Full PDB file with SEQRES, HELIX, SHEET, SSBOND, CRYST1, ORIGX, SCALE, CONECT and MASTER records, all heavy atoms in Angstrom:
SEQRES   1 A   40  GLY GLY TYR ALA GLU LYS ALA VAL ALA PRO GLU ALA THR          
SEQRES   2 A   40  THR TYR GLU VAL PRO ASP GLY VAL ASP ASP ASN ALA ALA          
SEQRES   3 A   40  LEU ALA PHE ILE VAL GLN GLY MET THR ALA TRP LEU MET          
SEQRES   4 A   40  LEU                                                          
HELIX    1 AA1 GLU A   11  THR A   13  5                                   3    
HELIX    2 AA2 ASP A   23  ALA A   28  1                                   6    
HELIX    3 AA3 PHE A   29  GLY A   33  3                                   5    
HELIX    4 AA4 MET A   34  MET A   39  1                                   6    
CRYST1    1.000    1.000    1.000  90.00  90.00  90.00 P 1           1          
ORIGX1      1.000000  0.000000  0.000000        0.00000                         
ORIGX2      0.000000  1.000000  0.000000        0.00000                         
ORIGX3      0.000000  0.000000  1.000000        0.00000                         
SCALE1      1.000000  0.000000  0.000000        0.00000                         
SCALE2      0.000000  1.000000  0.000000        0.00000                         
SCALE3      0.000000  0.000000  1.000000        0.00000                         
ATOM      1  N   GLY A   1      -8.824 -10.391  -0.172  1.00  0.00           N  
ATOM      2  CA  GLY A   1      -8.628 -10.803  -1.552  1.00  0.00           C  
ATOM      3  C   GLY A   1      -7.227 -10.656  -2.082  1.00  0.00           C  
ATOM      4  O   GLY A   1      -6.978 -10.910  -3.264  1.00  0.00           O  
ATOM      5  N   GLY A   2      -6.271 -10.273  -1.229  1.00  0.00           N  
ATOM      6  CA  GLY A   2      -4.930  -9.974  -1.705  1.00  0.00           C  
ATOM      7  C   GLY A   2      -4.055 -11.177  -2.000  1.00  0.00           C  
ATOM      8  O   GLY A   2      -3.145 -11.097  -2.830  1.00  0.00           O  
ATOM      9  N   TYR A   3      -4.306 -12.314  -1.345  1.00  0.00           N  
ATOM     10  CA  TYR A   3      -3.473 -13.496  -1.551  1.00  0.00           C  
ATOM     11  C   TYR A   3      -3.893 -14.189  -2.844  1.00  0.00           C  
ATOM     12  O   TYR A   3      -4.432 -15.290  -2.861  1.00  0.00           O  
ATOM     13  CB  TYR A   3      -3.627 -14.476  -0.391  1.00  0.00           C  
ATOM     14  CG  TYR A   3      -3.085 -14.051   0.953  1.00  0.00           C  
ATOM     15  CD1 TYR A   3      -2.700 -12.744   1.217  1.00  0.00           C  
ATOM     16  CD2 TYR A   3      -2.967 -14.975   1.988  1.00  0.00           C  
ATOM     17  CE1 TYR A   3      -2.207 -12.373   2.460  1.00  0.00           C  
ATOM     18  CE2 TYR A   3      -2.478 -14.625   3.235  1.00  0.00           C  
ATOM     19  CZ  TYR A   3      -2.111 -13.321   3.465  1.00  0.00           C  
ATOM     20  OH  TYR A   3      -1.627 -12.964   4.713  1.00  0.00           O  
ATOM     21  N   ALA A   4      -3.628 -13.554  -3.973  1.00  0.00           N  
ATOM     22  CA  ALA A   4      -4.092 -14.066  -5.257  1.00  0.00           C  
ATOM     23  C   ALA A   4      -3.281 -13.420  -6.377  1.00  0.00           C  
ATOM     24  O   ALA A   4      -2.561 -12.442  -6.165  1.00  0.00           O  
ATOM     25  CB  ALA A   4      -5.575 -13.768  -5.453  1.00  0.00           C  
ATOM     26  N   GLU A   5      -3.436 -13.986  -7.582  1.00  0.00           N  
ATOM     27  CA  GLU A   5      -2.738 -13.430  -8.742  1.00  0.00           C  
ATOM     28  C   GLU A   5      -3.402 -12.158  -9.248  1.00  0.00           C  
ATOM     29  O   GLU A   5      -2.754 -11.333  -9.887  1.00  0.00           O  
ATOM     30  CB  GLU A   5      -2.682 -14.475  -9.848  1.00  0.00           C  
ATOM     31  CG  GLU A   5      -1.793 -15.660  -9.503  1.00  0.00           C  
ATOM     32  CD  GLU A   5      -1.749 -16.704 -10.598  1.00  0.00           C  
ATOM     33  OE1 GLU A   5      -2.817 -17.014 -11.171  1.00  0.00           O  
ATOM     34  OE2 GLU A   5      -0.644 -17.207 -10.876  1.00  0.00           O  
ATOM     35  N   LYS A   6      -4.697 -11.994  -8.953  1.00  0.00           N  
ATOM     36  CA  LYS A   6      -5.425 -10.787  -9.339  1.00  0.00           C  
ATOM     37  C   LYS A   6      -6.320 -10.367  -8.185  1.00  0.00           C  
ATOM     38  O   LYS A   6      -6.806 -11.211  -7.433  1.00  0.00           O  
ATOM     39  CB  LYS A   6      -6.263 -11.031 -10.596  1.00  0.00           C  
ATOM     40  CG  LYS A   6      -5.449 -11.363 -11.837  1.00  0.00           C  
ATOM     41  CD  LYS A   6      -6.337 -11.621 -13.036  1.00  0.00           C  
ATOM     42  CE  LYS A   6      -5.505 -11.992 -14.262  1.00  0.00           C  
ATOM     43  NZ  LYS A   6      -6.365 -12.273 -15.443  1.00  0.00           N  
ATOM     44  N   ALA A   7      -6.539  -9.064  -8.062  1.00  0.00           N  
ATOM     45  CA  ALA A   7      -7.391  -8.555  -6.990  1.00  0.00           C  
ATOM     46  C   ALA A   7      -8.144  -7.335  -7.491  1.00  0.00           C  
ATOM     47  O   ALA A   7      -7.727  -6.673  -8.453  1.00  0.00           O  
ATOM     48  CB  ALA A   7      -6.547  -8.188  -5.765  1.00  0.00           C  
ATOM     49  N   VAL A   8      -9.264  -7.046  -6.828  1.00  0.00           N  
ATOM     50  CA  VAL A   8     -10.073  -5.870  -7.139  1.00  0.00           C  
ATOM     51  C   VAL A   8     -10.012  -4.921  -5.950  1.00  0.00           C  
ATOM     52  O   VAL A   8     -10.186  -5.328  -4.803  1.00  0.00           O  
ATOM     53  CB  VAL A   8     -11.529  -6.272  -7.441  1.00  0.00           C  
ATOM     54  CG1 VAL A   8     -12.431  -5.056  -7.428  1.00  0.00           C  
ATOM     55  CG2 VAL A   8     -11.610  -6.980  -8.785  1.00  0.00           C  
ATOM     56  N   ALA A   9      -9.752  -3.637  -6.224  1.00  0.00           N  
ATOM     57  CA  ALA A   9      -9.652  -2.633  -5.160  1.00  0.00           C  
ATOM     58  C   ALA A   9     -10.495  -1.416  -5.501  1.00  0.00           C  
ATOM     59  O   ALA A   9     -10.688  -1.100  -6.683  1.00  0.00           O  
ATOM     60  CB  ALA A   9      -8.194  -2.199  -4.982  1.00  0.00           C  
ATOM     61  N   PRO A  10     -10.994  -0.706  -4.504  1.00  0.00           N  
ATOM     62  CA  PRO A  10     -11.676   0.565  -4.772  1.00  0.00           C  
ATOM     63  C   PRO A  10     -10.699   1.580  -5.354  1.00  0.00           C  
ATOM     64  O   PRO A  10      -9.543   1.671  -4.897  1.00  0.00           O  
ATOM     65  CB  PRO A  10     -12.164   1.002  -3.385  1.00  0.00           C  
ATOM     66  CG  PRO A  10     -12.139  -0.231  -2.545  1.00  0.00           C  
ATOM     67  CD  PRO A  10     -11.012  -1.050  -3.071  1.00  0.00           C  
ATOM     68  N   GLU A  11     -11.142   2.334  -6.346  1.00  0.00           N  
ATOM     69  CA  GLU A  11     -10.279   3.397  -6.894  1.00  0.00           C  
ATOM     70  C   GLU A  11      -9.890   4.389  -5.796  1.00  0.00           C  
ATOM     71  O   GLU A  11      -8.786   4.932  -5.807  1.00  0.00           O  
ATOM     72  CB  GLU A  11     -11.012   4.133  -8.019  1.00  0.00           C  
ATOM     73  CG  GLU A  11     -10.930   3.456  -9.366  1.00  0.00           C  
ATOM     74  CD  GLU A  11      -9.615   3.731 -10.089  1.00  0.00           C  
ATOM     75  OE1 GLU A  11      -8.699   4.292  -9.462  1.00  0.00           O  
ATOM     76  OE2 GLU A  11      -9.513   3.354 -11.270  1.00  0.00           O  
ATOM     77  N   ALA A  12     -10.792   4.595  -4.827  1.00  0.00           N  
ATOM     78  CA  ALA A  12     -10.553   5.584  -3.778  1.00  0.00           C  
ATOM     79  C   ALA A  12      -9.408   5.206  -2.861  1.00  0.00           C  
ATOM     80  O   ALA A  12      -8.839   6.075  -2.197  1.00  0.00           O  
ATOM     81  CB  ALA A  12     -11.825   5.786  -2.958  1.00  0.00           C  
ATOM     82  N   THR A  13      -9.059   3.922  -2.799  1.00  0.00           N  
ATOM     83  CA  THR A  13      -7.943   3.497  -1.941  1.00  0.00           C  
ATOM     84  C   THR A  13      -6.834   2.855  -2.771  1.00  0.00           C  
ATOM     85  O   THR A  13      -6.121   1.965  -2.317  1.00  0.00           O  
ATOM     86  CB  THR A  13      -8.419   2.527  -0.846  1.00  0.00           C  
ATOM     87  OG1 THR A  13      -9.063   1.387  -1.450  1.00  0.00           O  
ATOM     88  CG2 THR A  13      -9.384   3.213   0.102  1.00  0.00           C  
ATOM     89  N   THR A  14      -6.710   3.321  -3.999  1.00  0.00           N  
ATOM     90  CA  THR A  14      -5.641   2.882  -4.904  1.00  0.00           C  
ATOM     91  C   THR A  14      -4.731   4.072  -5.171  1.00  0.00           C  
ATOM     92  O   THR A  14      -5.204   5.135  -5.589  1.00  0.00           O  
ATOM     93  CB  THR A  14      -6.226   2.340  -6.214  1.00  0.00           C  
ATOM     94  OG1 THR A  14      -7.062   1.205  -5.929  1.00  0.00           O  
ATOM     95  CG2 THR A  14      -5.126   1.916  -7.171  1.00  0.00           C  
ATOM     96  N   TYR A  15      -3.437   3.903  -4.934  1.00  0.00           N  
ATOM     97  CA  TYR A  15      -2.501   5.028  -4.995  1.00  0.00           C  
ATOM     98  C   TYR A  15      -1.330   4.670  -5.902  1.00  0.00           C  
ATOM     99  O   TYR A  15      -0.783   3.561  -5.833  1.00  0.00           O  
ATOM    100  CB  TYR A  15      -1.971   5.353  -3.592  1.00  0.00           C  
ATOM    101  CG  TYR A  15      -3.062   5.536  -2.561  1.00  0.00           C  
ATOM    102  CD1 TYR A  15      -3.506   4.458  -1.793  1.00  0.00           C  
ATOM    103  CD2 TYR A  15      -3.677   6.770  -2.362  1.00  0.00           C  
ATOM    104  CE1 TYR A  15      -4.520   4.608  -0.854  1.00  0.00           C  
ATOM    105  CE2 TYR A  15      -4.688   6.929  -1.424  1.00  0.00           C  
ATOM    106  CZ  TYR A  15      -5.105   5.839  -0.672  1.00  0.00           C  
ATOM    107  OH  TYR A  15      -6.113   5.992   0.251  1.00  0.00           O  
ATOM    108  N   GLU A  16      -0.936   5.616  -6.743  1.00  0.00           N  
ATOM    109  CA  GLU A  16       0.211   5.388  -7.615  1.00  0.00           C  
ATOM    110  C   GLU A  16       1.494   5.376  -6.796  1.00  0.00           C  
ATOM    111  O   GLU A  16       1.667   6.186  -5.876  1.00  0.00           O  
ATOM    112  CB  GLU A  16       0.264   6.445  -8.710  1.00  0.00           C  
ATOM    113  CG  GLU A  16      -0.934   6.364  -9.654  1.00  0.00           C  
ATOM    114  CD  GLU A  16      -0.662   7.005 -11.007  1.00  0.00           C  
ATOM    115  OE1 GLU A  16       0.517   7.135 -11.394  1.00  0.00           O  
ATOM    116  OE2 GLU A  16      -1.646   7.371 -11.678  1.00  0.00           O  
ATOM    117  N   VAL A  17       2.383   4.449  -7.145  1.00  0.00           N  
ATOM    118  CA  VAL A  17       3.661   4.307  -6.440  1.00  0.00           C  
ATOM    119  C   VAL A  17       4.723   5.106  -7.191  1.00  0.00           C  
ATOM    120  O   VAL A  17       4.954   4.857  -8.380  1.00  0.00           O  
ATOM    121  CB  VAL A  17       4.084   2.832  -6.338  1.00  0.00           C  
ATOM    122  CG1 VAL A  17       5.395   2.707  -5.563  1.00  0.00           C  
ATOM    123  CG2 VAL A  17       2.986   2.006  -5.674  1.00  0.00           C  
ATOM    124  N   PRO A  18       5.374   6.054  -6.538  1.00  0.00           N  
ATOM    125  CA  PRO A  18       6.381   6.856  -7.246  1.00  0.00           C  
ATOM    126  C   PRO A  18       7.632   6.060  -7.549  1.00  0.00           C  
ATOM    127  O   PRO A  18       7.932   5.058  -6.889  1.00  0.00           O  
ATOM    128  CB  PRO A  18       6.670   7.989  -6.249  1.00  0.00           C  
ATOM    129  CG  PRO A  18       6.315   7.442  -4.917  1.00  0.00           C  
ATOM    130  CD  PRO A  18       5.185   6.485  -5.139  1.00  0.00           C  
ATOM    131  N   ASP A  19       8.370   6.496  -8.563  1.00  0.00           N  
ATOM    132  CA  ASP A  19       9.667   5.892  -8.866  1.00  0.00           C  
ATOM    133  C   ASP A  19      10.573   6.015  -7.636  1.00  0.00           C  
ATOM    134  O   ASP A  19      10.515   7.003  -6.905  1.00  0.00           O  
ATOM    135  CB  ASP A  19      10.320   6.606 -10.052  1.00  0.00           C  
ATOM    136  CG  ASP A  19       9.559   6.382 -11.357  1.00  0.00           C  
ATOM    137  OD1 ASP A  19       8.812   5.382 -11.435  1.00  0.00           O  
ATOM    138  OD2 ASP A  19       9.709   7.208 -12.278  1.00  0.00           O  
ATOM    139  N   GLY A  20      11.371   4.995  -7.410  1.00  0.00           N  
ATOM    140  CA  GLY A  20      12.269   5.019  -6.265  1.00  0.00           C  
ATOM    141  C   GLY A  20      11.703   4.345  -5.033  1.00  0.00           C  
ATOM    142  O   GLY A  20      12.394   4.221  -4.012  1.00  0.00           O  
ATOM    143  N   VAL A  21      10.438   3.926  -5.096  1.00  0.00           N  
ATOM    144  CA  VAL A  21       9.812   3.197  -3.986  1.00  0.00           C  
ATOM    145  C   VAL A  21       9.508   1.790  -4.481  1.00  0.00           C  
ATOM    146  O   VAL A  21       8.703   1.605  -5.391  1.00  0.00           O  
ATOM    147  CB  VAL A  21       8.516   3.887  -3.516  1.00  0.00           C  
ATOM    148  CG1 VAL A  21       7.841   3.077  -2.416  1.00  0.00           C  
ATOM    149  CG2 VAL A  21       8.818   5.300  -3.021  1.00  0.00           C  
ATOM    150  N   ASP A  22      10.177   0.773  -3.896  1.00  0.00           N  
ATOM    151  CA  ASP A  22       9.981  -0.593  -4.368  1.00  0.00           C  
ATOM    152  C   ASP A  22       8.699  -1.198  -3.799  1.00  0.00           C  
ATOM    153  O   ASP A  22       8.008  -0.600  -2.969  1.00  0.00           O  
ATOM    154  CB  ASP A  22      11.204  -1.466  -4.062  1.00  0.00           C  
ATOM    155  CG  ASP A  22      11.470  -1.651  -2.567  1.00  0.00           C  
ATOM    156  OD1 ASP A  22      10.548  -1.474  -1.745  1.00  0.00           O  
ATOM    157  OD2 ASP A  22      12.622  -2.002  -2.220  1.00  0.00           O  
ATOM    158  N   ASP A  23       8.369  -2.410  -4.258  1.00  0.00           N  
ATOM    159  CA  ASP A  23       7.123  -3.060  -3.856  1.00  0.00           C  
ATOM    160  C   ASP A  23       7.057  -3.262  -2.342  1.00  0.00           C  
ATOM    161  O   ASP A  23       6.008  -3.039  -1.722  1.00  0.00           O  
ATOM    162  CB  ASP A  23       6.979  -4.421  -4.543  1.00  0.00           C  
ATOM    163  CG  ASP A  23       6.576  -4.308  -6.010  1.00  0.00           C  
ATOM    164  OD1 ASP A  23       6.475  -3.169  -6.512  1.00  0.00           O  
ATOM    165  OD2 ASP A  23       6.375  -5.359  -6.654  1.00  0.00           O  
ATOM    166  N   ASN A  24       8.159  -3.716  -1.761  1.00  0.00           N  
ATOM    167  CA  ASN A  24       8.176  -3.974  -0.324  1.00  0.00           C  
ATOM    168  C   ASN A  24       7.863  -2.702   0.460  1.00  0.00           C  
ATOM    169  O   ASN A  24       7.053  -2.710   1.392  1.00  0.00           O  
ATOM    170  CB  ASN A  24       9.546  -4.528   0.096  1.00  0.00           C  
ATOM    171  CG  ASN A  24       9.604  -4.896   1.561  1.00  0.00           C  
ATOM    172  OD1 ASN A  24       9.249  -5.998   1.958  1.00  0.00           O  
ATOM    173  ND2 ASN A  24      10.070  -3.966   2.392  1.00  0.00           N  
ATOM    174  N   ALA A  25       8.480  -1.603   0.066  1.00  0.00           N  
ATOM    175  CA  ALA A  25       8.253  -0.335   0.764  1.00  0.00           C  
ATOM    176  C   ALA A  25       6.822   0.145   0.568  1.00  0.00           C  
ATOM    177  O   ALA A  25       6.176   0.620   1.510  1.00  0.00           O  
ATOM    178  CB  ALA A  25       9.235   0.717   0.277  1.00  0.00           C  
ATOM    179  N   ALA A  26       6.301   0.024  -0.651  1.00  0.00           N  
ATOM    180  CA  ALA A  26       4.934   0.475  -0.914  1.00  0.00           C  
ATOM    181  C   ALA A  26       3.941  -0.268  -0.029  1.00  0.00           C  
ATOM    182  O   ALA A  26       3.038   0.332   0.561  1.00  0.00           O  
ATOM    183  CB  ALA A  26       4.593   0.274  -2.385  1.00  0.00           C  
ATOM    184  N   LEU A  27       4.108  -1.582   0.098  1.00  0.00           N  
ATOM    185  CA  LEU A  27       3.220  -2.379   0.935  1.00  0.00           C  
ATOM    186  C   LEU A  27       3.423  -2.071   2.417  1.00  0.00           C  
ATOM    187  O   LEU A  27       2.466  -2.031   3.194  1.00  0.00           O  
ATOM    188  CB  LEU A  27       3.440  -3.873   0.675  1.00  0.00           C  
ATOM    189  CG  LEU A  27       2.931  -4.386  -0.670  1.00  0.00           C  
ATOM    190  CD1 LEU A  27       3.432  -5.804  -0.930  1.00  0.00           C  
ATOM    191  CD2 LEU A  27       1.408  -4.341  -0.731  1.00  0.00           C  
ATOM    192  N   ALA A  28       4.671  -1.871   2.808  1.00  0.00           N  
ATOM    193  CA  ALA A  28       4.948  -1.551   4.212  1.00  0.00           C  
ATOM    194  C   ALA A  28       4.338  -0.210   4.596  1.00  0.00           C  
ATOM    195  O   ALA A  28       3.764  -0.064   5.681  1.00  0.00           O  
ATOM    196  CB  ALA A  28       6.452  -1.537   4.460  1.00  0.00           C  
ATOM    197  N   PHE A  29       4.419   0.767   3.725  1.00  0.00           N  
ATOM    198  CA  PHE A  29       3.954   2.117   4.065  1.00  0.00           C  
ATOM    199  C   PHE A  29       2.435   2.205   4.122  1.00  0.00           C  
ATOM    200  O   PHE A  29       1.877   2.914   4.960  1.00  0.00           O  
ATOM    201  CB  PHE A  29       4.495   3.137   3.070  1.00  0.00           C  
ATOM    202  CG  PHE A  29       5.972   3.360   3.159  1.00  0.00           C  
ATOM    203  CD1 PHE A  29       6.698   3.735   2.042  1.00  0.00           C  
ATOM    204  CD2 PHE A  29       6.654   3.181   4.350  1.00  0.00           C  
ATOM    205  CE1 PHE A  29       8.069   3.936   2.115  1.00  0.00           C  
ATOM    206  CE2 PHE A  29       8.033   3.376   4.436  1.00  0.00           C  
ATOM    207  CZ  PHE A  29       8.733   3.757   3.314  1.00  0.00           C  
ATOM    208  N   ILE A  30       1.724   1.484   3.241  1.00  0.00           N  
ATOM    209  CA  ILE A  30       0.276   1.676   3.167  1.00  0.00           C  
ATOM    210  C   ILE A  30      -0.443   1.102   4.386  1.00  0.00           C  
ATOM    211  O   ILE A  30      -1.537   1.551   4.732  1.00  0.00           O  
ATOM    212  CB  ILE A  30      -0.292   1.091   1.857  1.00  0.00           C  
ATOM    213  CG1 ILE A  30      -1.669   1.711   1.563  1.00  0.00           C  
ATOM    214  CG2 ILE A  30      -0.354  -0.425   1.915  1.00  0.00           C  
ATOM    215  CD1 ILE A  30      -2.223   1.402   0.200  1.00  0.00           C  
ATOM    216  N   VAL A  31       0.162   0.142   5.089  1.00  0.00           N  
ATOM    217  CA  VAL A  31      -0.459  -0.397   6.305  1.00  0.00           C  
ATOM    218  C   VAL A  31       0.400  -0.099   7.526  1.00  0.00           C  
ATOM    219  O   VAL A  31       0.031   0.695   8.395  1.00  0.00           O  
ATOM    220  CB  VAL A  31      -0.717  -1.911   6.180  1.00  0.00           C  
ATOM    221  CG1 VAL A  31      -1.218  -2.483   7.506  1.00  0.00           C  
ATOM    222  CG2 VAL A  31      -1.762  -2.181   5.101  1.00  0.00           C  
ATOM    223  N   GLN A  32       1.582  -0.705   7.601  1.00  0.00           N  
ATOM    224  CA  GLN A  32       2.426  -0.511   8.788  1.00  0.00           C  
ATOM    225  C   GLN A  32       2.902   0.934   8.928  1.00  0.00           C  
ATOM    226  O   GLN A  32       2.876   1.506  10.014  1.00  0.00           O  
ATOM    227  CB  GLN A  32       3.634  -1.457   8.750  1.00  0.00           C  
ATOM    228  CG  GLN A  32       3.320  -2.870   9.166  1.00  0.00           C  
ATOM    229  CD  GLN A  32       2.812  -3.725   8.028  1.00  0.00           C  
ATOM    230  OE1 GLN A  32       2.696  -3.268   6.878  1.00  0.00           O  
ATOM    231  NE2 GLN A  32       2.489  -4.974   8.326  1.00  0.00           N  
ATOM    232  N   GLY A  33       3.316   1.516   7.813  1.00  0.00           N  
ATOM    233  CA  GLY A  33       3.794   2.889   7.866  1.00  0.00           C  
ATOM    234  C   GLY A  33       2.712   3.865   8.268  1.00  0.00           C  
ATOM    235  O   GLY A  33       2.929   4.751   9.092  1.00  0.00           O  
ATOM    236  N   MET A  34       1.532   3.710   7.675  1.00  0.00           N  
ATOM    237  CA  MET A  34       0.433   4.609   8.030  1.00  0.00           C  
ATOM    238  C   MET A  34      -0.053   4.384   9.457  1.00  0.00           C  
ATOM    239  O   MET A  34      -0.490   5.324  10.125  1.00  0.00           O  
ATOM    240  CB  MET A  34      -0.717   4.449   7.037  1.00  0.00           C  
ATOM    241  CG  MET A  34      -0.522   5.214   5.743  1.00  0.00           C  
ATOM    242  SD  MET A  34      -0.223   6.997   5.988  1.00  0.00           S  
ATOM    243  CE  MET A  34      -1.720   7.489   6.851  1.00  0.00           C  
ATOM    244  N   THR A  35       0.028   3.153   9.947  1.00  0.00           N  
ATOM    245  CA  THR A  35      -0.310   2.896  11.348  1.00  0.00           C  
ATOM    246  C   THR A  35       0.638   3.649  12.265  1.00  0.00           C  
ATOM    247  O   THR A  35       0.215   4.327  13.216  1.00  0.00           O  
ATOM    248  CB  THR A  35      -0.267   1.393  11.651  1.00  0.00           C  
ATOM    249  OG1 THR A  35      -1.215   0.713  10.820  1.00  0.00           O  
ATOM    250  CG2 THR A  35      -0.592   1.119  13.115  1.00  0.00           C  
ATOM    251  N   ALA A  36       1.939   3.569  11.994  1.00  0.00           N  
ATOM    252  CA  ALA A  36       2.921   4.289  12.799  1.00  0.00           C  
ATOM    253  C   ALA A  36       2.726   5.797  12.672  1.00  0.00           C  
ATOM    254  O   ALA A  36       2.792   6.540  13.671  1.00  0.00           O  
ATOM    255  CB  ALA A  36       4.339   3.891  12.367  1.00  0.00           C  
ATOM    256  N   TRP A  37       2.498   6.269  11.456  1.00  0.00           N  
ATOM    257  CA  TRP A  37       2.306   7.700  11.198  1.00  0.00           C  
ATOM    258  C   TRP A  37       1.113   8.227  11.982  1.00  0.00           C  
ATOM    259  O   TRP A  37       1.189   9.264  12.643  1.00  0.00           O  
ATOM    260  CB  TRP A  37       2.106   7.902   9.694  1.00  0.00           C  
ATOM    261  CG  TRP A  37       2.107   9.313   9.195  1.00  0.00           C  
ATOM    262  CD1 TRP A  37       3.187  10.016   8.713  1.00  0.00           C  
ATOM    263  CD2 TRP A  37       0.978  10.204   9.095  1.00  0.00           C  
ATOM    264  NE1 TRP A  37       2.798  11.277   8.323  1.00  0.00           N  
ATOM    265  CE2 TRP A  37       1.445  11.422   8.552  1.00  0.00           C  
ATOM    266  CE3 TRP A  37      -0.366  10.091   9.424  1.00  0.00           C  
ATOM    267  CZ2 TRP A  37       0.611  12.519   8.322  1.00  0.00           C  
ATOM    268  CZ3 TRP A  37      -1.207  11.176   9.197  1.00  0.00           C  
ATOM    269  CH2 TRP A  37      -0.715  12.371   8.656  1.00  0.00           C  
ATOM    270  N   LEU A  38      -0.012   7.516  11.921  1.00  0.00           N  
ATOM    271  CA  LEU A  38      -1.221   7.961  12.607  1.00  0.00           C  
ATOM    272  C   LEU A  38      -1.059   7.927  14.126  1.00  0.00           C  
ATOM    273  O   LEU A  38      -1.531   8.831  14.822  1.00  0.00           O  
ATOM    274  CB  LEU A  38      -2.402   7.094  12.178  1.00  0.00           C  
ATOM    275  CG  LEU A  38      -2.934   7.365  10.771  1.00  0.00           C  
ATOM    276  CD1 LEU A  38      -3.770   6.195  10.276  1.00  0.00           C  
ATOM    277  CD2 LEU A  38      -3.754   8.655  10.745  1.00  0.00           C  
ATOM    278  N   MET A  39      -0.428   6.879  14.644  1.00  0.00           N  
ATOM    279  CA  MET A  39      -0.254   6.807  16.099  1.00  0.00           C  
ATOM    280  C   MET A  39       0.560   7.976  16.622  1.00  0.00           C  
ATOM    281  O   MET A  39       0.213   8.583  17.638  1.00  0.00           O  
ATOM    282  CB  MET A  39       0.409   5.485  16.491  1.00  0.00           C  
ATOM    283  CG  MET A  39      -0.532   4.306  16.481  1.00  0.00           C  
ATOM    284  SD  MET A  39       0.148   2.864  17.326  1.00  0.00           S  
ATOM    285  CE  MET A  39       1.531   2.456  16.254  1.00  0.00           C  
ATOM    286  N   LEU A  40       1.639   8.296  15.937  1.00  0.00           N  
ATOM    287  CA  LEU A  40       2.493   9.383  16.414  1.00  0.00           C  
ATOM    288  C   LEU A  40       1.862  10.751  16.167  1.00  0.00           C  
ATOM    289  O   LEU A  40       1.999  11.657  16.988  1.00  0.00           O  
ATOM    290  CB  LEU A  40       3.864   9.299  15.737  1.00  0.00           C  
ATOM    291  CG  LEU A  40       4.734   8.115  16.177  1.00  0.00           C  
ATOM    292  CD1 LEU A  40       5.946   7.956  15.259  1.00  0.00           C  
ATOM    293  CD2 LEU A  40       5.197   8.298  17.625  1.00  0.00           C  
TER     294      LEU A  40                                                      
MASTER        0    0    0    4    0    0    0    6  293    1    0    4          
END                                                                             
């Protein structure tokens, strides 16, 4: 459902983005970053 102007997400997998982290980084970390983190 992400390729849209609006989306619905579970509160349990919704995380606040801290200041200093841009949109690109936030999206990269929640999937690609966590994949790398978990593998290592």
